[in-house]
Amino acid sequence: MTDEKKEVTEKLLNIRNRITGEPALSISRIPEKTRKDFINFAKNEFCSDRGMCLKFLLDNYQGLITTGVEHIELELSVQHERQNEFDERLSKLETKEEKPKKKRLG
């Protein structure tokens, strides 16, 4: 199938989906190489399911872009680990003090 026939088929499918009420997305002004890469990626990784491909890309994009609080969450995590270490050390010291010392006779 030639590229022209594929584009016509895609357009017809889009029109049919609009008529049947299925959710559709139309994006214009996409660089040709990017469009081809996206279509190939969807075809190879998602059995041509472009919606799931788009969702995958967005999920990964959102995971890469920070929300601004990650450094605070990381610092809290480090402080929590330190607190746990101190609690363990203190607990060990307290149990050592609680053990009665054996007296030597003799």
PDB file of N, CA and C in Angstrom:
ATOM      1  N   MET A   1       0.851  -1.177   0.000  1.00  0.00           N
ATOM      2  CA  MET A   1       0.000   0.000   0.000  1.00  0.00           C
ATOM      3  C   MET A   1       0.896   1.239   0.000  1.00  0.00           C
ATOM      4  N   THR A   2       0.598   2.189  -0.864  1.00  0.00           N
ATOM      5  CA  THR A   2       1.408   3.395  -0.964  1.00  0.00           C
ATOM      6  C   THR A   2       1.070   4.346   0.174  1.00  0.00           C
ATOM      7  N   ASP A   3       1.924   5.340   0.356  1.00  0.00           N
ATOM      8  CA  ASP A   3       1.718   6.322   1.421  1.00  0.00           C
ATOM      9  C   ASP A   3       0.426   7.098   1.213  1.00  0.00           C
ATOM     10  N   GLU A   4       0.103   7.408  -0.051  1.00  0.00           N
ATOM     11  CA  GLU A   4      -1.138   8.139  -0.345  1.00  0.00           C
ATOM     12  C   GLU A   4      -2.354   7.328   0.053  1.00  0.00           C
ATOM     13  N   LYS A   5      -2.350   6.054  -0.280  1.00  0.00           N
ATOM     14  CA  LYS A   5      -3.474   5.192   0.075  1.00  0.00           C
ATOM     15  C   LYS A   5      -3.603   5.059   1.585  1.00  0.00           C
ATOM     16  N   LYS A   6      -2.459   4.990   2.282  1.00  0.00           N
ATOM     17  CA  LYS A   6      -2.483   4.899   3.744  1.00  0.00           C
ATOM     18  C   LYS A   6      -3.095   6.160   4.348  1.00  0.00           C
ATOM     19  N   GLU A   7      -2.706   7.307   3.816  1.00  0.00           N
ATOM     20  CA  GLU A   7      -3.244   8.571   4.335  1.00  0.00           C
ATOM     21  C   GLU A   7      -4.745   8.659   4.096  1.00  0.00           C
ATOM     22  N   VAL A   8      -5.196   8.250   2.910  1.00  0.00           N
ATOM     23  CA  VAL A   8      -6.626   8.267   2.607  1.00  0.00           C
ATOM     24  C   VAL A   8      -7.367   7.313   3.542  1.00  0.00           C
ATOM     25  N   THR A   9      -6.789   6.131   3.765  1.00  0.00           N
ATOM     26  CA  THR A   9      -7.405   5.160   4.670  1.00  0.00           C
ATOM     27  C   THR A   9      -7.490   5.725   6.082  1.00  0.00           C
ATOM     28  N   GLU A  10      -6.413   6.382   6.536  1.00  0.00           N
ATOM     29  CA  GLU A  10      -6.416   6.992   7.861  1.00  0.00           C
ATOM     30  C   GLU A  10      -7.480   8.079   7.967  1.00  0.00           C
ATOM     31  N   LYS A  11      -7.604   8.888   6.930  1.00  0.00           N
ATOM     32  CA  LYS A  11      -8.607   9.953   6.938  1.00  0.00           C
ATOM     33  C   LYS A  11     -10.012   9.372   6.989  1.00  0.00           C
ATOM     34  N   LEU A  12     -10.255   8.317   6.212  1.00  0.00           N
ATOM     35  CA  LEU A  12     -11.567   7.677   6.226  1.00  0.00           C
ATOM     36  C   LEU A  12     -11.873   7.075   7.599  1.00  0.00           C
ATOM     37  N   LEU A  13     -10.872   6.455   8.209  1.00  0.00           N
ATOM     38  CA  LEU A  13     -11.075   5.901   9.547  1.00  0.00           C
ATOM     39  C   LEU A  13     -11.375   6.996  10.558  1.00  0.00           C
ATOM     40  N   ASN A  14     -10.677   8.113  10.444  1.00  0.00           N
ATOM     41  CA  ASN A  14     -10.935   9.241  11.344  1.00  0.00           C
ATOM     42  C   ASN A  14     -12.357   9.762  11.182  1.00  0.00           C
ATOM     43  N   ILE A  15     -12.796   9.878   9.938  1.00  0.00           N
ATOM     44  CA  ILE A  15     -14.167  10.355   9.676  1.00  0.00           C
ATOM     45  C   ILE A  15     -15.177   9.360  10.246  1.00  0.00           C
ATOM     46  N   ARG A  16     -14.951   8.071  10.020  1.00  0.00           N
ATOM     47  CA  ARG A  16     -15.857   7.056  10.544  1.00  0.00           C
ATOM     48  C   ARG A  16     -15.912   7.090  12.070  1.00  0.00           C
ATOM     49  N   ASN A  17     -14.754   7.264  12.692  1.00  0.00           N
ATOM     50  CA  ASN A  17     -14.720   7.336  14.150  1.00  0.00           C
ATOM     51  C   ASN A  17     -15.465   8.559  14.670  1.00  0.00           C
ATOM     52  N   ARG A  18     -15.359   9.664  13.990  1.00  0.00           N
ATOM     53  CA  ARG A  18     -16.099  10.873  14.397  1.00  0.00           C
ATOM     54  C   ARG A  18     -17.605  10.654  14.292  1.00  0.00           C
ATOM     55  N   ILE A  19     -18.015   9.977  13.240  1.00  0.00           N
ATOM     56  CA  ILE A  19     -19.450   9.736  13.030  1.00  0.00           C
ATOM     57  C   ILE A  19     -19.989   8.774  14.077  1.00  0.00           C
ATOM     58  N   THR A  20     -19.222   7.738  14.402  1.00  0.00           N
ATOM     59  CA  THR A  20     -19.693   6.747  15.364  1.00  0.00           C
ATOM     60  C   THR A  20     -19.559   7.226  16.805  1.00  0.00           C
ATOM     61  N   GLY A  21     -18.929   8.349  17.010  1.00  0.00           N
ATOM     62  CA  GLY A  21     -18.824   8.901  18.357  1.00  0.00           C
ATOM     63  C   GLY A  21     -17.636   8.423  19.156  1.00  0.00           C
ATOM     64  N   GLU A  22     -16.776   7.654  18.558  1.00  0.00           N
ATOM     65  CA  GLU A  22     -15.590   7.211  19.269  1.00  0.00           C
ATOM     66  C   GLU A  22     -14.662   8.403  19.464  1.00  0.00           C
ATOM     67  N   PRO A  23     -13.949   8.453  20.584  1.00  0.00           N
ATOM     68  CA  PRO A  23     -13.037   9.573  20.805  1.00  0.00           C
ATOM     69  C   PRO A  23     -11.950   9.604  19.738  1.00  0.00           C
ATOM     70  N   ALA A  24     -11.659  10.782  19.265  1.00  0.00           N
ATOM     71  CA  ALA A  24     -10.629  10.933  18.241  1.00  0.00           C
ATOM     72  C   ALA A  24      -9.784  12.152  18.569  1.00  0.00           C
ATOM     73  N   LEU A  25      -8.623  12.178  18.015  1.00  0.00           N
ATOM     74  CA  LEU A  25      -7.706  13.286  18.203  1.00  0.00           C
ATOM     75  C   LEU A  25      -7.093  13.609  16.860  1.00  0.00           C
ATOM     76  N   SER A  26      -7.144  14.859  16.511  1.00  0.00           N
ATOM     77  CA  SER A  26      -6.556  15.284  15.250  1.00  0.00           C
ATOM     78  C   SER A  26      -5.496  16.328  15.568  1.00  0.00           C
ATOM     79  N   ILE A  27      -4.303  16.084  15.098  1.00  0.00           N
ATOM     80  CA  ILE A  27      -3.193  17.001  15.355  1.00  0.00           C
ATOM     81  C   ILE A  27      -2.627  17.436  14.018  1.00  0.00           C
ATOM     82  N   SER A  28      -2.444  18.726  13.877  1.00  0.00           N
ATOM     83  CA  SER A  28      -1.867  19.242  12.633  1.00  0.00           C
ATOM     84  C   SER A  28      -0.494  19.827  12.918  1.00  0.00           C
ATOM     85  N   ARG A  29       0.205  20.164  11.860  1.00  0.00           N
ATOM     86  CA  ARG A  29       1.529  20.784  11.927  1.00  0.00           C
ATOM     87  C   ARG A  29       2.552  19.908  12.638  1.00  0.00           C
ATOM     88  N   ILE A  30       2.595  18.649  12.281  1.00  0.00           N
ATOM     89  CA  ILE A  30       3.585  17.720  12.816  1.00  0.00           C
ATOM     90  C   ILE A  30       4.670  17.551  11.765  1.00  0.00           C
ATOM     91  N   PRO A  31       5.926  17.706  12.148  1.00  0.00           N
ATOM     92  CA  PRO A  31       6.988  17.455  11.177  1.00  0.00           C
ATOM     93  C   PRO A  31       6.873  16.036  10.631  1.00  0.00           C
ATOM     94  N   GLU A  32       7.103  15.884   9.357  1.00  0.00           N
ATOM     95  CA  GLU A  32       6.890  14.600   8.679  1.00  0.00           C
ATOM     96  C   GLU A  32       7.694  13.468   9.322  1.00  0.00           C
ATOM     97  N   LYS A  33       8.945  13.727   9.662  1.00  0.00           N
ATOM     98  CA  LYS A  33       9.776  12.682  10.272  1.00  0.00           C
ATOM     99  C   LYS A  33       9.197  12.284  11.634  1.00  0.00           C
ATOM    100  N   THR A  34       8.763  13.242  12.405  1.00  0.00           N
ATOM    101  CA  THR A  34       8.174  12.956  13.716  1.00  0.00           C
ATOM    102  C   THR A  34       6.899  12.140  13.562  1.00  0.00           C
ATOM    103  N   ARG A  35       6.077  12.488  12.602  1.00  0.00           N
ATOM    104  CA  ARG A  35       4.837  11.762  12.348  1.00  0.00           C
ATOM    105  C   ARG A  35       5.130  10.313  11.977  1.00  0.00           C
ATOM    106  N   LYS A  36       6.085  10.121  11.080  1.00  0.00           N
ATOM    107  CA  LYS A  36       6.444   8.763  10.660  1.00  0.00           C
ATOM    108  C   LYS A  36       7.022   7.970  11.831  1.00  0.00           C
ATOM    109  N   ASP A  37       7.883   8.621  12.621  1.00  0.00           N
ATOM    110  CA  ASP A  37       8.465   7.946  13.781  1.00  0.00           C
ATOM    111  C   ASP A  37       7.379   7.520  14.769  1.00  0.00           C
ATOM    112  N   PHE A  38       6.419   8.406  15.010  1.00  0.00           N
ATOM    113  CA  PHE A  38       5.335   8.093  15.934  1.00  0.00           C
ATOM    114  C   PHE A  38       4.496   6.920  15.419  1.00  0.00           C
ATOM    115  N   ILE A  39       4.152   6.964  14.143  1.00  0.00           N
ATOM    116  CA  ILE A  39       3.351   5.892  13.546  1.00  0.00           C
ATOM    117  C   ILE A  39       4.102   4.568  13.618  1.00  0.00           C
ATOM    118  N   ASN A  40       5.390   4.584  13.293  1.00  0.00           N
ATOM    119  CA  ASN A  40       6.186   3.352  13.359  1.00  0.00           C
ATOM    120  C   ASN A  40       6.324   2.846  14.787  1.00  0.00           C
ATOM    121  N   PHE A  41       6.522   3.753  15.726  1.00  0.00           N
ATOM    122  CA  PHE A  41       6.631   3.363  17.131  1.00  0.00           C
ATOM    123  C   PHE A  41       5.327   2.724  17.602  1.00  0.00           C
ATOM    124  N   ALA A  42       4.213   3.350  17.258  1.00  0.00           N
ATOM    125  CA  ALA A  42       2.902   2.801  17.633  1.00  0.00           C
ATOM    126  C   ALA A  42       2.692   1.439  16.990  1.00  0.00           C
ATOM    127  N   LYS A  43       3.091   1.309  15.740  1.00  0.00           N
ATOM    128  CA  LYS A  43       2.909   0.046  15.018  1.00  0.00           C
ATOM    129  C   LYS A  43       3.747  -1.067  15.641  1.00  0.00           C
ATOM    130  N   ASN A  44       5.010  -0.769  15.923  1.00  0.00           N
ATOM    131  CA  ASN A  44       5.932  -1.785  16.419  1.00  0.00           C
ATOM    132  C   ASN A  44       5.730  -2.131  17.891  1.00  0.00           C
ATOM    133  N   GLU A  45       5.404  -1.148  18.707  1.00  0.00           N
ATOM    134  CA  GLU A  45       5.340  -1.375  20.147  1.00  0.00           C
ATOM    135  C   GLU A  45       3.921  -1.541  20.681  1.00  0.00           C
ATOM    136  N   PHE A  46       2.919  -1.030  19.962  1.00  0.00           N
ATOM    137  CA  PHE A  46       1.554  -1.027  20.475  1.00  0.00           C
ATOM    138  C   PHE A  46       0.550  -1.569  19.465  1.00  0.00           C
ATOM    139  N   CYS A  47       1.009  -2.383  18.542  1.00  0.00           N
ATOM    140  CA  CYS A  47       0.131  -2.983  17.522  1.00  0.00           C
ATOM    141  C   CYS A  47      -0.720  -1.921  16.833  1.00  0.00           C
ATOM    142  N   SER A  48      -0.101  -0.820  16.508  1.00  0.00           N
ATOM    143  CA  SER A  48      -0.723   0.322  15.820  1.00  0.00           C
ATOM    144  C   SER A  48      -1.770   1.059  16.662  1.00  0.00           C
ATOM    145  N   ASP A  49      -1.833   0.801  17.961  1.00  0.00           N
ATOM    146  CA  ASP A  49      -2.761   1.514  18.836  1.00  0.00           C
ATOM    147  C   ASP A  49      -2.129   2.849  19.219  1.00  0.00           C
ATOM    148  N   ARG A  50      -2.445   3.876  18.457  1.00  0.00           N
ATOM    149  CA  ARG A  50      -1.826   5.181  18.651  1.00  0.00           C
ATOM    150  C   ARG A  50      -2.254   5.842  19.956  1.00  0.00           C
ATOM    151  N   GLY A  51      -3.451   5.545  20.392  1.00  0.00           N
ATOM    152  CA  GLY A  51      -3.919   6.103  21.652  1.00  0.00           C
ATOM    153  C   GLY A  51      -3.081   5.617  22.825  1.00  0.00           C
ATOM    154  N   MET A  52      -2.810   4.318  22.860  1.00  0.00           N
ATOM    155  CA  MET A  52      -1.984   3.775  23.940  1.00  0.00           C
ATOM    156  C   MET A  52      -0.536   4.234  23.800  1.00  0.00           C
ATOM    157  N   CYS A  53      -0.094   4.391  22.579  1.00  0.00           N
ATOM    158  CA  CYS A  53       1.252   4.902  22.346  1.00  0.00           C
ATOM    159  C   CYS A  53       1.371   6.320  22.894  1.00  0.00           C
ATOM    160  N   LEU A  54       0.382   7.140  22.611  1.00  0.00           N
ATOM    161  CA  LEU A  54       0.377   8.515  23.112  1.00  0.00           C
ATOM    162  C   LEU A  54       0.336   8.519  24.635  1.00  0.00           C
ATOM    163  N   LYS A  55      -0.477   7.664  25.225  1.00  0.00           N
ATOM    164  CA  LYS A  55      -0.562   7.582  26.682  1.00  0.00           C
ATOM    165  C   LYS A  55       0.789   7.192  27.268  1.00  0.00           C
ATOM    166  N   PHE A  56       1.441   6.192  26.671  1.00  0.00           N
ATOM    167  CA  PHE A  56       2.761   5.756  27.130  1.00  0.00           C
ATOM    168  C   PHE A  56       3.756   6.918  27.088  1.00  0.00           C
ATOM    169  N   LEU A  57       3.767   7.634  25.979  1.00  0.00           N
ATOM    170  CA  LEU A  57       4.702   8.748  25.841  1.00  0.00           C
ATOM    171  C   LEU A  57       4.419   9.844  26.863  1.00  0.00           C
ATOM    172  N   LEU A  58       3.154  10.146  27.095  1.00  0.00           N
ATOM    173  CA  LEU A  58       2.801  11.160  28.087  1.00  0.00           C
ATOM    174  C   LEU A  58       3.157  10.714  29.501  1.00  0.00           C
ATOM    175  N   ASP A  59       2.885   9.457  29.820  1.00  0.00           N
ATOM    176  CA  ASP A  59       3.217   8.949  31.151  1.00  0.00           C
ATOM    177  C   ASP A  59       4.714   9.050  31.407  1.00  0.00           C
ATOM    178  N   ASN A  60       5.503   8.702  30.416  1.00  0.00           N
ATOM    179  CA  ASN A  60       6.950   8.778  30.581  1.00  0.00           C
ATOM    180  C   ASN A  60       7.432  10.220  30.610  1.00  0.00           C
ATOM    181  N   TYR A  61       6.829  11.072  29.825  1.00  0.00           N
ATOM    182  CA  TYR A  61       7.189  12.487  29.817  1.00  0.00           C
ATOM    183  C   TYR A  61       6.901  13.093  31.184  1.00  0.00           C
ATOM    184  N   GLN A  62       5.737  12.790  31.724  1.00  0.00           N
ATOM    185  CA  GLN A  62       5.369  13.347  33.023  1.00  0.00           C
ATOM    186  C   GLN A  62       6.269  12.814  34.119  1.00  0.00           C
ATOM    187  N   GLY A  63       6.776  11.616  33.941  1.00  0.00           N
ATOM    188  CA  GLY A  63       7.713  11.070  34.915  1.00  0.00           C
ATOM    189  C   GLY A  63       9.077  11.724  34.839  1.00  0.00           C
ATOM    190  N   LEU A  64       9.432  12.242  33.673  1.00  0.00           N
ATOM    191  CA  LEU A  64      10.734  12.885  33.509  1.00  0.00           C
ATOM    192  C   LEU A  64      10.716  14.343  33.941  1.00  0.00           C
ATOM    193  N   ILE A  65       9.589  14.998  33.790  1.00  0.00           N
ATOM    194  CA  ILE A  65       9.485  16.404  34.154  1.00  0.00           C
ATOM    195  C   ILE A  65       9.151  16.495  35.635  1.00  0.00           C
ATOM    196  N   THR A  66       9.964  17.211  36.361  1.00  0.00           N
ATOM    197  CA  THR A  66       9.749  17.297  37.798  1.00  0.00           C
ATOM    198  C   THR A  66       8.604  18.236  38.125  1.00  0.00           C
ATOM    199  N   THR A  67       7.949  17.972  39.243  1.00  0.00           N
ATOM    200  CA  THR A  67       6.845  18.827  39.669  1.00  0.00           C
ATOM    201  C   THR A  67       7.315  19.909  40.623  1.00  0.00           C
ATOM    202  N   GLY A  68       8.572  19.862  41.034  1.00  0.00           N
ATOM    203  CA  GLY A  68       9.112  20.901  41.897  1.00  0.00           C
ATOM    204  C   GLY A  68       9.256  20.478  43.347  1.00  0.00           C
ATOM    205  N   VAL A  69       8.715  19.340  43.732  1.00  0.00           N
ATOM    206  CA  VAL A  69       8.807  18.914  45.127  1.00  0.00           C
ATOM    207  C   VAL A  69       9.646  17.653  45.294  1.00  0.00           C
ATOM    208  N   GLU A  70      10.209  17.166  44.210  1.00  0.00           N
ATOM    209  CA  GLU A  70      10.976  15.932  44.289  1.00  0.00           C
ATOM    210  C   GLU A  70      12.176  16.075  45.216  1.00  0.00           C
ATOM    211  N   HIS A  71      12.842  17.242  45.168  1.00  0.00           N
ATOM    212  CA  HIS A  71      14.012  17.421  46.024  1.00  0.00           C
ATOM    213  C   HIS A  71      13.616  17.423  47.501  1.00  0.00           C
ATOM    214  N   ILE A  72      12.442  17.929  47.811  1.00  0.00           N
ATOM    215  CA  ILE A  72      11.951  17.912  49.190  1.00  0.00           C
ATOM    216  C   ILE A  72      11.615  16.481  49.607  1.00  0.00           C
ATOM    217  N   GLU A  73      10.959  15.743  48.706  1.00  0.00           N
ATOM    218  CA  GLU A  73      10.629  14.352  49.009  1.00  0.00           C
ATOM    219  C   GLU A  73      11.890  13.527  49.220  1.00  0.00           C
ATOM    220  N   LEU A  74      12.907  13.772  48.409  1.00  0.00           N
ATOM    221  CA  LEU A  74      14.170  13.048  48.551  1.00  0.00           C
ATOM    222  C   LEU A  74      14.820  13.372  49.891  1.00  0.00           C
ATOM    223  N   GLU A  75      14.846  14.644  50.254  1.00  0.00           N
ATOM    224  CA  GLU A  75      15.446  15.048  51.526  1.00  0.00           C
ATOM    225  C   GLU A  75      14.677  14.455  52.702  1.00  0.00           C
ATOM    226  N   LEU A  76      13.356  14.434  52.618  1.00  0.00           N
ATOM    227  CA  LEU A  76      12.547  13.822  53.683  1.00  0.00           C
ATOM    228  C   LEU A  76      12.838  12.333  53.808  1.00  0.00           C
ATOM    229  N   SER A  77      13.018  11.687  52.668  1.00  0.00           N
ATOM    230  CA  SER A  77      13.335  10.262  52.679  1.00  0.00           C
ATOM    231  C   SER A  77      14.684  10.015  53.349  1.00  0.00           C
ATOM    232  N   VAL A  78      15.672  10.826  53.031  1.00  0.00           N
ATOM    233  CA  VAL A  78      17.002  10.696  53.636  1.00  0.00           C
ATOM    234  C   VAL A  78      16.913  10.936  55.136  1.00  0.00           C
ATOM    235  N   GLN A  79      16.187  11.980  55.544  1.00  0.00           N
ATOM    236  CA  GLN A  79      16.048  12.276  56.968  1.00  0.00           C
ATOM    237  C   GLN A  79      15.314  11.156  57.698  1.00  0.00           C
ATOM    238  N   HIS A  80      14.326  10.568  57.035  1.00  0.00           N
ATOM    239  CA  HIS A  80      13.586   9.453  57.638  1.00  0.00           C
ATOM    240  C   HIS A  80      14.514   8.259  57.859  1.00  0.00           C
ATOM    241  N   GLU A  81      15.364   7.970  56.893  1.00  0.00           N
ATOM    242  CA  GLU A  81      16.317   6.869  57.038  1.00  0.00           C
ATOM    243  C   GLU A  81      17.291   7.146  58.179  1.00  0.00           C
ATOM    244  N   ARG A  82      17.764   8.385  58.268  1.00  0.00           N
ATOM    245  CA  ARG A  82      18.678   8.749  59.359  1.00  0.00           C
ATOM    246  C   ARG A  82      17.996   8.583  60.710  1.00  0.00           C
ATOM    247  N   GLN A  83      16.750   9.028  60.789  1.00  0.00           N
ATOM    248  CA  GLN A  83      16.002   8.899  62.029  1.00  0.00           C
ATOM    249  C   GLN A  83      15.861   7.441  62.431  1.00  0.00           C
ATOM    250  N   ASN A  84      15.581   6.578  61.461  1.00  0.00           N
ATOM    251  CA  ASN A  84      15.473   5.146  61.752  1.00  0.00           C
ATOM    252  C   ASN A  84      16.796   4.573  62.260  1.00  0.00           C
ATOM    253  N   GLU A  85      17.900   5.003  61.657  1.00  0.00           N
ATOM    254  CA  GLU A  85      19.211   4.544  62.106  1.00  0.00           C
ATOM    255  C   GLU A  85      19.481   4.977  63.542  1.00  0.00           C
ATOM    256  N   PHE A  86      19.167   6.232  63.863  1.00  0.00           N
ATOM    257  CA  PHE A  86      19.369   6.726  65.217  1.00  0.00           C
ATOM    258  C   PHE A  86      18.481   5.989  66.213  1.00  0.00           C
ATOM    259  N   ASP A  87      17.252   5.715  65.816  1.00  0.00           N
ATOM    260  CA  ASP A  87      16.344   4.973  66.688  1.00  0.00           C
ATOM    261  C   ASP A  87      16.883   3.577  66.982  1.00  0.00           C
ATOM    262  N   GLU A  88      17.418   2.924  65.950  1.00  0.00           N
ATOM    263  CA  GLU A  88      17.985   1.588  66.144  1.00  0.00           C
ATOM    264  C   GLU A  88      19.195   1.640  67.071  1.00  0.00           C
ATOM    265  N   ARG A  89      20.061   2.608  66.870  1.00  0.00           N
ATOM    266  CA  ARG A  89      21.256   2.734  67.713  1.00  0.00           C
ATOM    267  C   ARG A  89      20.880   3.034  69.159  1.00  0.00           C
ATOM    268  N   LEU A  90      19.910   3.914  69.345  1.00  0.00           N
ATOM    269  CA  LEU A  90      19.452   4.248  70.682  1.00  0.00           C
ATOM    270  C   LEU A  90      18.823   3.038  71.359  1.00  0.00           C
ATOM    271  N   SER A  91      18.053   2.298  70.602  1.00  0.00           N
ATOM    272  CA  SER A  91      17.422   1.091  71.136  1.00  0.00           C
ATOM    273  C   SER A  91      18.478   0.085  71.600  1.00  0.00           C
ATOM    274  N   LYS A  92      19.532  -0.080  70.821  1.00  0.00           N
ATOM    275  CA  LYS A  92      20.613  -0.998  71.194  1.00  0.00           C
ATOM    276  C   LYS A  92      21.318  -0.525  72.459  1.00  0.00           C
ATOM    277  N   LEU A  93      21.556   0.765  72.563  1.00  0.00           N
ATOM    278  CA  LEU A  93      22.208   1.309  73.755  1.00  0.00           C
ATOM    279  C   LEU A  93      21.334   1.127  74.989  1.00  0.00           C
ATOM    280  N   GLU A  94      20.042   1.358  74.834  1.00  0.00           N
ATOM    281  CA  GLU A  94      19.127   1.215  75.965  1.00  0.00           C
ATOM    282  C   GLU A  94      19.046  -0.227  76.432  1.00  0.00           C
ATOM    283  N   THR A  95      19.051  -1.186  75.509  1.00  0.00           N
ATOM    284  CA  THR A  95      18.987  -2.595  75.908  1.00  0.00           C
ATOM    285  C   THR A  95      20.279  -3.023  76.593  1.00  0.00           C
ATOM    286  N   LYS A  96      21.402  -2.438  76.234  1.00  0.00           N
ATOM    287  CA  LYS A  96      22.672  -2.752  76.892  1.00  0.00           C
ATOM    288  C   LYS A  96      22.654  -2.238  78.330  1.00  0.00           C
ATOM    289  N   GLU A  97      22.083  -1.066  78.540  1.00  0.00           N
ATOM    290  CA  GLU A  97      22.030  -0.492  79.883  1.00  0.00           C
ATOM    291  C   GLU A  97      21.064  -1.260  80.776  1.00  0.00           C
ATOM    292  N   GLU A  98      20.027  -1.809  80.209  1.00  0.00           N
ATOM    293  CA  GLU A  98      19.015  -2.508  80.992  1.00  0.00           C
ATOM    294  C   GLU A  98      19.512  -3.860  81.478  1.00  0.00           C
ATOM    295  N   LYS A  99      20.436  -4.448  80.809  1.00  0.00           N
ATOM    296  CA  LYS A  99      20.939  -5.762  81.228  1.00  0.00           C
ATOM    297  C   LYS A  99      21.692  -5.596  82.534  1.00  0.00           C
ATOM    298  N   PRO A 100      21.351  -6.406  83.519  1.00  0.00           N
ATOM    299  CA  PRO A 100      22.064  -6.296  84.805  1.00  0.00           C
ATOM    300  C   PRO A 100      23.501  -6.802  84.654  1.00  0.00           C
ATOM    301  N   LYS A 101      24.386  -6.106  85.304  1.00  0.00           N
ATOM    302  CA  LYS A 101      25.795  -6.495  85.253  1.00  0.00           C
ATOM    303  C   LYS A 101      26.008  -7.642  86.229  1.00  0.00           C
ATOM    304  N   LYS A 102      26.740  -8.602  85.804  1.00  0.00           N
ATOM    305  CA  LYS A 102      27.038  -9.745  86.660  1.00  0.00           C
ATOM    306  C   LYS A 102      28.153  -9.372  87.623  1.00  0.00           C
ATOM    307  N   LYS A 103      27.914  -9.708  88.875  1.00  0.00           N
ATOM    308  CA  LYS A 103      28.925  -9.409  89.882  1.00  0.00           C
ATOM    309  C   LYS A 103      29.802 -10.643  90.087  1.00  0.00           C
ATOM    310  N   ARG A 104      31.055 -10.378  90.244  1.00  0.00           N
ATOM    311  CA  ARG A 104      31.992 -11.475  90.482  1.00  0.00           C
ATOM    312  C   ARG A 104      32.150 -11.658  91.992  1.00  0.00           C
ATOM    313  N   LEU A 105      32.070 -12.828  92.368  1.00  0.00           N
ATOM    314  CA  LEU A 105      32.327 -13.143  93.769  1.00  0.00           C
ATOM    315  C   LEU A 105      33.733 -13.709  93.871  1.00  0.00           C
ATOM    316  N   GLY A 106      34.437 -13.167  94.764  1.00  0.00           N
ATOM    317  CA  GLY A 106      35.651 -13.851  94.961  1.00  0.00           C
ATOM    318  C   GLY A 106      36.849 -13.109  94.876  1.00  0.00           C
TER     319      GLY A 106
END
